[in-house]
């Protein structure tokens, strides 16, 4: 694990530079864990599932996702969702 590796290296000689460089990479995970406890362990479990299977069993085919994107791009969006939309953004 990256965190354990960085902590080990920080001890040889004592230097916290790598620890401080690693912290911003983990900031989003700490926030996610605060909002939804256990999310990181679920992320690791999902990663193991995908790695073991060689693919994501819950994945949507690329063509389906592209169709959803095309459909959404074709629909006008409004700045004020309560107002009637006359002009797309």
Protein backbone atom coordinates (compact mmCIF):
# COMPACT_ATOMS: atom_id res chain seq x y z
CA UNK A 1 0.00 0.00 0.00
CA UNK A 2 1.26 3.44 -0.92
CA UNK A 3 0.69 4.92 2.53
CA UNK A 4 2.69 2.21 4.30
CA UNK A 5 5.52 2.56 1.78
CA UNK A 6 5.71 6.32 2.30
CA UNK A 7 5.70 5.97 6.09
CA UNK A 8 8.49 3.37 5.91
CA UNK A 9 10.57 5.63 3.67
CA UNK A 10 9.97 8.59 6.01
CA UNK A 11 11.84 6.67 8.71
CA UNK A 12 14.94 6.06 6.53
CA UNK A 13 16.36 8.79 7.34
CA UNK A 14 13.64 10.77 9.06
CA UNK A 15 12.14 12.95 6.30
CA UNK A 16 8.47 13.84 6.00
CA UNK A 17 8.68 15.27 2.47
CA UNK A 18 7.05 12.22 0.86
CA UNK A 19 4.36 12.14 3.54
CA UNK A 20 3.44 15.77 2.83
CA UNK A 21 3.42 15.05 -0.92
CA UNK A 22 1.06 12.10 -0.40
CA UNK A 23 -1.52 13.89 1.76
CA UNK A 24 -3.22 15.89 -1.03
CA UNK A 25 -3.72 12.65 -3.00
CA UNK A 26 -5.70 11.21 -0.10
CA UNK A 27 -7.71 14.33 0.78
CA UNK A 28 -10.66 13.34 -1.44
CA UNK A 29 -10.77 9.88 0.15
CA UNK A 30 -10.78 11.25 3.68
CA UNK A 31 -13.70 13.51 2.75
CA UNK A 32 -15.56 10.63 1.11
CA UNK A 33 -14.94 8.44 4.17
CA UNK A 34 -16.29 11.19 6.42
CA UNK A 35 -19.45 11.52 4.32
CA UNK A 36 -19.95 7.77 3.77
CA UNK A 37 -18.02 5.67 6.31
CA UNK A 38 -16.64 2.46 4.82
CA UNK A 39 -16.47 3.80 1.27
CA UNK A 40 -12.73 3.20 1.00
CA UNK A 41 -13.07 -0.46 1.96
CA UNK A 42 -15.88 -0.82 -0.60
CA UNK A 43 -13.59 0.80 -3.19
CA UNK A 44 -10.85 -1.72 -2.40
CA UNK A 45 -13.34 -4.62 -2.56
CA UNK A 46 -14.65 -3.42 -5.94
CA UNK A 47 -11.09 -3.08 -7.20
CA UNK A 48 -10.33 -6.67 -6.17
CA UNK A 49 -13.55 -7.86 -7.84
CA UNK A 50 -12.63 -6.15 -11.12
CA UNK A 51 -9.02 -7.34 -10.97
CA UNK A 52 -10.09 -10.92 -10.24
CA UNK A 53 -12.72 -11.03 -12.98
CA UNK A 54 -10.64 -9.12 -15.51
CA UNK A 55 -13.57 -6.76 -16.10
CA UNK A 56 -16.19 -4.80 -14.22
CA UNK A 57 -19.38 -6.91 -14.05
CA UNK A 58 -21.43 -3.75 -13.42
CA UNK A 59 -19.94 -1.81 -16.33
CA UNK A 60 -22.16 -0.34 -19.02
CA UNK A 61 -21.05 -0.92 -22.64
CA UNK A 62 -19.29 2.09 -24.17
CA UNK A 63 -21.90 2.42 -26.90
CA UNK A 64 -24.70 2.66 -24.32
CA UNK A 65 -22.84 5.35 -22.38
CA UNK A 66 -22.15 7.32 -25.57
CA UNK A 67 -25.86 7.17 -26.42
CA UNK A 68 -26.73 8.55 -22.97
CA UNK A 69 -24.23 11.39 -23.46
CA UNK A 70 -25.59 12.22 -26.91
CA UNK A 71 -29.13 12.24 -25.54
CA UNK A 72 -28.18 14.53 -22.66
CA UNK A 73 -26.26 16.90 -24.91
CA UNK A 74 -29.29 17.16 -27.17
CA UNK A 75 -31.54 18.32 -24.36
CA UNK A 76 -31.51 22.04 -23.55
CA UNK A 77 -30.44 22.97 -20.06
CA UNK A 78 -31.41 26.09 -18.18
CA UNK A 79 -29.59 28.20 -15.64
CA UNK A 80 -32.78 28.49 -13.60
CA UNK A 81 -34.36 25.05 -13.44
CA UNK A 82 -37.64 26.51 -12.14
CA UNK A 83 -38.07 28.83 -15.13
CA UNK A 84 -39.23 27.71 -18.54
CA UNK A 85 -36.20 26.96 -20.68
CA UNK A 86 -36.17 29.05 -23.84
CA UNK A 87 -32.42 29.13 -24.44
CA UNK A 88 -30.01 26.26 -23.98
CA UNK A 89 -26.76 27.06 -22.21
